[in-house]
Structures are given as C-alpha cells and as structure tokens.
Amino acid sequence: LSAKYGAKPIILVSGFGIALTLPFLTLADTPVTLGIALALFGASLGTLDVAMNIHAIEVEKDAPKPLMSGFHAQYSIGGFIAAMLVTLLLSAKLGPLITTLISSAMMLVAMAIIWPRLLSTVQAEDGPLFVMPRGIVVLLAALAAITFLVEGAVLDWSALLLTSEGRVEASQGGLGYMLFAIAMTAGRLCGDVITAKLGDRPTLFWGGIVAIAGFAVLLAAPGTILAMSGFLLIGLGASNIVPVLFRRAGSQTVMPSGLAVAAITTTGYAGILVGPAGVGFVAKHTGLPVSFWLLAALL
C-alpha cells in the first residue's frame, strides 16, 4: 500500500488506528473481543512500522548524510520513555484505561503535528500490492530476521541465562537486557556518523563481528562483571545492522523499495516471534548456553 499510494496516507491511517484501538485493549472482557482488539492494534502497529521506514528512506535520500540509525535510535528512546511513563501512571493508581487514554491522546497530538510535514511521494503508481522478495532482498530479509531473532532472544532469555548460570540473583536478572538496550541506543545515536565514515558494508560486517564477540564474552568469561560486558558488545554490534539493511533495501533496484522494506519488516517480525520459541526448544534439550552459542553462529 505504501508503494502504491505513498507512505504519508499509510502513516496517518495506521497512526490514528493505534491511537483509537489502544484503549480497547483494556476494555475487552472476553477472549474474542480481546483477540479482535489485539488484531486491529497489531495490524495498525505493523503497518506503521513499515510505512515509517519507507518514509525514513525517502527522507534520507534527500539528505546529505546518513540518518537511518538516528531514526532507529529515536525508536529505542521512545520505548524507554513509554515504559517509564506507563509505569508512573499505573503507579499513580490511574488504572489501565486512563493510562491508555493518555497515551492515545499523546499519539493523536503527535499525528496532528506530523500530518502537514510528511512527504507526499508515490513510488509506484501502478505497482503490485504484494510481491515475493527476490534477489538481494532475500538476503537482506534473512539478515534482518537473524538480527531481530537475536534481539528477541536477549529480551526473553537473558535473565534466565544469568540466573541459571549463577551470575546474578533473580532480582537482578534484568540487568543484562538493560545493558544491551543502553548499548544499542548509544550505538544507534552514533551510527550515522560511523556509517558516513566507514560505509554500509564495513558497518554491517564489523558490527556483526562485535556482536559475535559479545556472545563469546558473555558465555565464556569467568567473572560476572566481564561476562555482563558481553551484553554491551552485543548491543553495540547489533545496533546499526538493521538500519543499514533498511537503507540497502531503499537503494536496491531489484524490486520497489517500499515492497522491499515490507519484506524485511515482515521477516524481522517472524524472527522476533519464532526466535525466542526456538531458543527455548533447543534449551530444553541442550541448555541455554548452547542456544546462545547457536545465536552467535547465526550471526
């Protein structure tokens, strides 16, 4: 849809869709109504994710320097702010409904502000609504799936890895992901400068090497502090891989860039969904450390 009509209308429809459906997640009182609300919310969120990246590529093409890593850094920062805000609102006993209404109101204000500022571009007026990824896009999509898989696994399993190995107490299990998230945000804030100096390919390659080294440190280091630094290396190394992949999707000529971005985003979500479950399946038979070594092997 973004390739056919341009990113602007898709961003607006999906953004307002998120704002309107979020409060209904707290009002649903049966599995069926909750399922419907989640489906509508998820569809809006996924659509916005694709359209935002397509628009980011269009903006970056008109800029004299790389911008994609900075855009993704803002996404990470937004996640931090949202988590803190919702925690504060719920801690203030406002309840889920009021909290989501406040969040939706902020989203509506944001959408109203960006409405006149979005670029009005159409990439392929008569293009298809959907095509299978092909050529270099298949490789880009596969790399995105692996990177998202690693991120999902660190989010879902790092605490259990640390506690089961006796690295930290259960109450401190979240420290690993916190270090990972901080390093990833910092890496993305610096990523555009790094990419402008090194180029996309070296940034992708050496970022992957640093992330692999992070897994080695995490799993093989004898001391807890040294092992925990592995999360910093994984976050720093992986931070700019996905932004580079989106940029390359926008510059390839095998298929329309909007469709390429959609393919990469879809496989990325698949990595987030399937990856942690796969890690758990392997861990059940071989243990979590083996699962994390396999993540390093995939990278």
Protein backbone atom coordinates (compact mmCIF):
# COMPACT_ATOMS: atom_id res chain seq x y z
CA LEU A 1 0.00 0.00 0.00
CA SER A 2 2.86 2.37 0.77
CA ALA A 3 4.47 1.60 -2.58
CA LYS A 4 1.18 2.23 -4.37
CA TYR A 5 -0.12 5.32 -2.55
CA GLY A 6 2.97 6.70 -0.81
CA ALA A 7 3.93 6.43 2.84
CA LYS A 8 2.08 9.53 4.08
CA PRO A 9 -1.55 8.26 3.96
CA ILE A 10 -0.49 4.87 5.34
CA ILE A 11 1.33 6.51 8.27
CA LEU A 12 -1.71 8.66 9.04
CA VAL A 13 -4.26 5.83 8.85
CA SER A 14 -2.18 3.38 10.89
CA GLY A 15 -1.09 6.04 13.41
CA PHE A 16 -4.64 7.10 14.12
CA GLY A 17 -5.57 3.39 14.16
CA ILE A 18 -3.11 2.79 17.01
CA ALA A 19 -4.46 5.73 18.99
CA LEU A 20 -8.07 4.58 18.56
CA THR A 21 -7.57 0.87 19.27
CA LEU A 22 -5.17 1.05 22.24
CA PRO A 23 -7.83 1.85 24.91
CA PHE A 24 -9.98 -1.06 23.73
CA LEU A 25 -7.25 -3.46 24.89
CA THR A 26 -8.21 -2.53 28.45
CA LEU A 27 -11.97 -2.70 27.84
CA ALA A 28 -12.11 -6.17 26.26
CA ASP A 29 -13.64 -8.61 28.73
CA THR A 30 -13.78 -11.83 26.68
CA PRO A 31 -11.13 -13.73 24.70
CA VAL A 32 -12.96 -12.94 21.43
CA THR A 33 -13.16 -9.18 21.99
CA LEU A 34 -9.57 -9.09 23.23
CA GLY A 35 -8.49 -11.02 20.14
CA ILE A 36 -10.26 -8.56 17.85
CA ALA A 37 -8.76 -5.58 19.67
CA LEU A 38 -5.27 -7.11 19.55
CA ALA A 39 -5.64 -7.90 15.84
CA LEU A 40 -6.65 -4.33 14.99
CA PHE A 41 -3.95 -2.85 17.20
CA GLY A 42 -1.29 -5.23 15.85
CA ALA A 43 -2.29 -4.52 12.24
CA SER A 44 -2.03 -0.78 12.84
CA LEU A 45 1.33 -1.13 14.59
CA GLY A 46 2.83 -3.39 11.91
CA THR A 47 1.58 -1.15 9.11
CA LEU A 48 3.02 1.96 10.77
CA ASP A 49 6.36 0.20 11.28
CA VAL A 50 6.66 -0.49 7.54
CA ALA A 51 5.41 2.93 6.42
CA MET A 52 7.71 4.80 8.84
CA ASN A 53 10.79 3.02 7.50
CA ILE A 54 9.75 3.68 3.90
CA HIS A 55 9.29 7.37 4.73
CA ALA A 56 12.64 7.40 6.55
CA ILE A 57 14.31 6.07 3.40
CA GLU A 58 12.65 8.82 1.32
CA VAL A 59 13.83 11.49 3.76
CA GLU A 60 17.37 10.07 3.88
CA LYS A 61 17.64 10.07 0.07
CA ASP A 62 17.23 13.87 0.09
CA ALA A 63 19.72 14.36 2.94
CA PRO A 64 23.48 14.90 2.54
CA LYS A 65 24.34 12.34 5.23
CA PRO A 66 23.00 9.03 6.67
CA LEU A 67 20.03 9.36 9.02
CA MET A 68 18.62 5.84 9.43
CA SER A 69 20.50 4.87 12.60
CA GLY A 70 19.35 8.09 14.28
CA PHE A 71 15.74 7.32 13.37
CA HIS A 72 16.02 3.87 14.93
CA ALA A 73 17.69 5.39 18.00
CA GLN A 74 14.61 7.58 18.47
CA TYR A 75 12.50 4.40 18.36
CA SER A 76 14.59 2.93 21.19
CA ILE A 77 14.43 6.15 23.20
CA GLY A 78 10.65 6.26 22.70
CA GLY A 79 10.43 2.75 24.12
CA PHE A 80 12.32 3.82 27.25
CA ILE A 81 10.15 6.92 27.72
CA ALA A 82 6.94 4.96 27.16
CA ALA A 83 7.91 2.28 29.66
CA MET A 84 8.71 4.89 32.31
CA LEU A 85 5.58 6.94 31.60
CA VAL A 86 3.20 3.99 31.75
CA THR A 87 4.90 2.70 34.91
CA LEU A 88 4.49 6.12 36.55
CA LEU A 89 0.84 6.43 35.51
CA LEU A 90 -0.02 2.94 36.74
CA SER A 91 1.93 3.51 39.96
CA ALA A 92 -0.18 6.63 40.49
CA LYS A 93 -3.25 4.33 40.55
CA LEU A 94 -4.78 5.87 37.42
CA GLY A 95 -5.68 2.43 36.08
CA PRO A 96 -5.09 0.85 32.65
CA LEU A 97 -7.95 2.65 30.85
CA ILE A 98 -6.91 6.17 31.89
CA THR A 99 -3.27 5.30 31.17
CA THR A 100 -4.07 4.14 27.64
CA LEU A 101 -6.34 7.13 27.03
CA ILE A 102 -3.49 9.47 28.00
CA SER A 103 -1.14 7.53 25.72
CA SER A 104 -3.65 7.69 22.87
CA ALA A 105 -4.10 11.43 23.37
CA MET A 106 -0.34 11.91 23.08
CA MET A 107 -0.37 9.82 19.90
CA LEU A 108 -3.19 11.92 18.43
CA VAL A 109 -1.26 15.11 19.16
CA ALA A 110 1.85 13.67 17.54
CA MET A 111 -0.10 12.62 14.43
CA ALA A 112 -1.67 16.09 14.15
CA ILE A 113 1.79 17.70 14.34
CA ILE A 114 3.40 15.50 11.67
CA TRP A 115 0.41 15.48 9.27
CA PRO A 116 1.45 18.58 7.26
CA ARG A 117 5.15 17.73 7.49
CA LEU A 118 5.13 14.25 5.92
CA LEU A 119 6.45 13.93 2.37
CA SER A 120 3.81 13.29 -0.29
CA THR A 121 5.56 10.84 -2.58
CA VAL A 122 4.32 7.86 -4.57
CA GLN A 123 6.94 5.32 -5.57
CA ALA A 124 4.98 3.14 -8.00
CA GLU A 125 1.55 4.32 -9.02
CA ASP A 126 0.67 1.07 -10.78
CA GLY A 127 2.79 -1.28 -8.71
CA PRO A 128 1.51 -4.56 -7.25
CA LEU A 129 0.08 -4.68 -3.74
CA PHE A 130 2.30 -7.61 -2.81
CA VAL A 131 5.27 -9.45 -4.32
CA MET A 132 7.58 -12.15 -3.02
CA PRO A 133 11.05 -10.85 -2.10
CA ARG A 134 13.71 -11.74 -4.66
CA GLY A 135 17.38 -11.22 -5.39
CA ILE A 136 19.36 -9.22 -2.85
CA VAL A 137 16.15 -8.51 -0.90
CA VAL A 138 16.00 -12.17 0.15
CA LEU A 139 19.47 -11.85 1.70
CA LEU A 140 18.61 -8.55 3.37
CA ALA A 141 15.42 -10.08 4.78
CA ALA A 142 17.28 -13.13 6.10
CA LEU A 143 19.87 -10.95 7.83
CA ALA A 144 17.08 -8.85 9.35
CA ALA A 145 15.34 -11.99 10.64
CA ILE A 146 18.57 -13.18 12.30
CA THR A 147 19.23 -9.80 13.90
CA PHE A 148 15.67 -9.47 15.19
CA LEU A 149 15.90 -13.07 16.42
CA VAL A 150 18.97 -12.19 18.47
CA GLU A 151 17.25 -9.11 19.92
CA GLY A 152 14.17 -11.15 20.86
CA ALA A 153 16.26 -13.89 22.43
CA VAL A 154 18.24 -11.43 24.56
CA LEU A 155 14.96 -9.83 25.68
CA ASP A 156 13.23 -13.11 26.55
CA TRP A 157 16.06 -15.35 27.77
CA SER A 158 18.96 -13.26 29.07
CA ALA A 159 17.59 -13.06 32.62
CA LEU A 160 17.16 -16.83 32.85
CA LEU A 161 20.62 -17.39 31.37
CA LEU A 162 22.21 -15.15 34.00
CA THR A 163 20.30 -16.59 36.95
CA SER A 164 20.55 -20.25 35.92
CA GLU A 165 24.31 -19.89 35.50
CA GLY A 166 24.57 -18.26 38.93
CA ARG A 167 25.84 -14.95 37.52
CA VAL A 168 23.30 -12.75 39.35
CA GLU A 169 20.41 -13.03 41.78
CA ALA A 170 16.89 -13.38 40.41
CA SER A 171 16.07 -9.80 41.39
CA GLN A 172 18.92 -8.60 39.15
CA GLY A 173 18.06 -10.74 36.15
CA GLY A 174 17.02 -7.75 34.06
CA LEU A 175 20.48 -6.15 34.20
CA GLY A 176 21.64 -7.99 31.09
CA TYR A 177 18.89 -6.69 28.87
CA MET A 178 19.22 -3.21 30.38
CA LEU A 179 22.90 -3.10 29.40
CA PHE A 180 22.03 -4.45 25.95
CA ALA A 181 19.31 -1.82 25.39
CA ILE A 182 21.50 1.07 26.60
CA ALA A 183 24.37 -0.03 24.34
CA MET A 184 22.05 -0.45 21.35
CA THR A 185 20.58 3.04 21.83
CA ALA A 186 24.04 4.59 22.21
CA GLY A 187 25.28 2.72 19.16
CA ARG A 188 22.39 3.98 17.05
CA LEU A 189 22.86 7.56 18.21
CA CYS A 190 26.45 7.35 16.91
CA GLY A 191 25.60 5.08 14.00
CA ASP A 192 25.03 7.70 11.33
CA VAL A 193 28.45 9.25 11.94
CA ILE A 194 30.08 5.81 11.88
CA THR A 195 28.25 4.80 8.70
CA ALA A 196 29.15 8.08 6.98
CA LYS A 197 32.86 7.45 7.70
CA LEU A 198 33.06 3.67 7.15
CA GLY A 199 30.24 2.93 4.71
CA ASP A 200 27.38 0.46 4.94
CA ARG A 201 29.30 -2.76 4.29
CA PRO A 202 32.08 -2.26 6.91
CA THR A 203 29.50 -1.08 9.44
CA LEU A 204 27.44 -4.22 8.83
CA PHE A 205 30.44 -6.56 8.86
CA TRP A 206 32.29 -5.20 11.88
CA GLY A 207 29.06 -4.69 13.79
CA GLY A 208 28.35 -8.38 13.34
CA ILE A 209 31.87 -9.28 14.49
CA VAL A 210 31.49 -7.16 17.65
CA ALA A 211 28.12 -8.79 18.42
CA ILE A 212 29.61 -12.28 17.95
CA ALA A 213 32.48 -11.33 20.27
CA GLY A 214 29.87 -10.18 22.78
CA PHE A 215 28.29 -13.63 22.81
CA ALA A 216 31.73 -15.21 23.30
CA VAL A 217 32.48 -12.93 26.26
CA LEU A 218 29.05 -13.49 27.79
CA LEU A 219 29.26 -17.27 27.58
CA ALA A 220 32.98 -17.91 28.18
CA ALA A 221 34.17 -15.18 30.55
CA PRO A 222 34.96 -16.47 34.06
CA GLY A 223 33.90 -13.38 36.03
CA THR A 224 30.38 -11.99 36.28
CA ILE A 225 31.33 -8.37 35.55
CA LEU A 226 33.33 -9.36 32.46
CA ALA A 227 30.53 -11.66 31.31
CA MET A 228 27.96 -8.88 31.72
CA SER A 229 30.06 -6.67 29.45
CA GLY A 230 29.18 -9.13 26.71
CA PHE A 231 25.68 -7.62 26.63
CA LEU A 232 27.25 -4.22 25.92
CA LEU A 233 29.18 -5.66 22.98
CA ILE A 234 26.09 -7.45 21.60
CA GLY A 235 24.05 -4.25 21.82
CA LEU A 236 26.74 -2.08 20.24
CA GLY A 237 27.46 -4.58 17.49
CA ALA A 238 23.84 -5.23 16.54
CA SER A 239 22.72 -1.62 16.89
CA ASN A 240 23.31 -0.49 13.31
CA ILE A 241 22.75 -3.72 11.40
CA VAL A 242 19.00 -3.25 10.91
CA PRO A 243 19.27 0.46 9.95
CA VAL A 244 21.87 -0.46 7.31
CA LEU A 245 19.63 -3.25 5.98
CA PHE A 246 16.70 -0.84 5.62
CA ARG A 247 18.94 1.67 3.83
CA ARG A 248 20.14 -1.01 1.42
CA ALA A 249 16.55 -2.06 0.82
CA GLY A 250 15.79 1.50 -0.19
CA SER A 251 18.73 1.71 -2.61
CA GLN A 252 18.47 -1.69 -4.35
CA THR A 253 16.85 -1.84 -7.79
CA VAL A 254 15.63 -5.45 -7.95
CA MET A 255 12.18 -4.52 -6.68
CA PRO A 256 10.34 -1.38 -5.46
CA SER A 257 11.90 -0.11 -2.25
CA GLY A 258 8.54 0.05 -0.44
CA LEU A 259 7.90 -3.64 -1.10
CA ALA A 260 11.48 -4.47 -0.09
CA VAL A 261 11.07 -2.67 3.24
CA ALA A 262 7.80 -4.51 3.82
CA ALA A 263 9.52 -7.85 3.17
CA ILE A 264 12.35 -7.04 5.58
CA THR A 265 9.95 -5.87 8.29
CA THR A 266 7.78 -8.98 7.91
CA THR A 267 10.72 -11.37 8.20
CA GLY A 268 12.02 -9.32 11.12
CA TYR A 269 8.74 -9.83 12.97
CA ALA A 270 8.96 -13.53 12.12
CA GLY A 271 12.39 -13.63 13.73
CA ILE A 272 11.04 -11.96 16.87
CA LEU A 273 8.12 -14.42 17.03
CA VAL A 274 9.86 -17.69 16.11
CA GLY A 275 13.30 -16.99 17.53
CA PRO A 276 12.66 -16.97 21.28
CA ALA A 277 10.46 -20.07 20.95
CA GLY A 278 13.25 -21.79 19.01
CA VAL A 279 15.78 -20.84 21.67
CA GLY A 280 13.51 -22.36 24.31
CA PHE A 281 13.10 -25.57 22.30
CA VAL A 282 16.85 -26.00 21.90
CA ALA A 283 17.49 -25.03 25.52
CA LYS A 284 15.10 -27.71 26.74
CA HIS A 285 17.29 -30.38 25.15
CA THR A 286 20.78 -28.88 25.36
CA GLY A 287 20.67 -25.96 27.81
CA LEU A 288 20.52 -22.19 27.36
CA PRO A 289 24.27 -21.66 26.81
CA VAL A 290 24.16 -23.90 23.72
CA SER A 291 21.18 -21.92 22.42
CA PHE A 292 23.10 -18.67 22.80
CA TRP A 293 26.15 -20.16 21.05
CA LEU A 294 23.83 -21.02 18.16
CA LEU A 295 22.70 -17.36 18.06
CA ALA A 296 26.35 -16.36 17.69
CA ALA A 297 26.72 -18.94 14.91
CA LEU A 298 23.72 -17.49 13.07
CA LEU A 299 25.24 -14.02 13.25
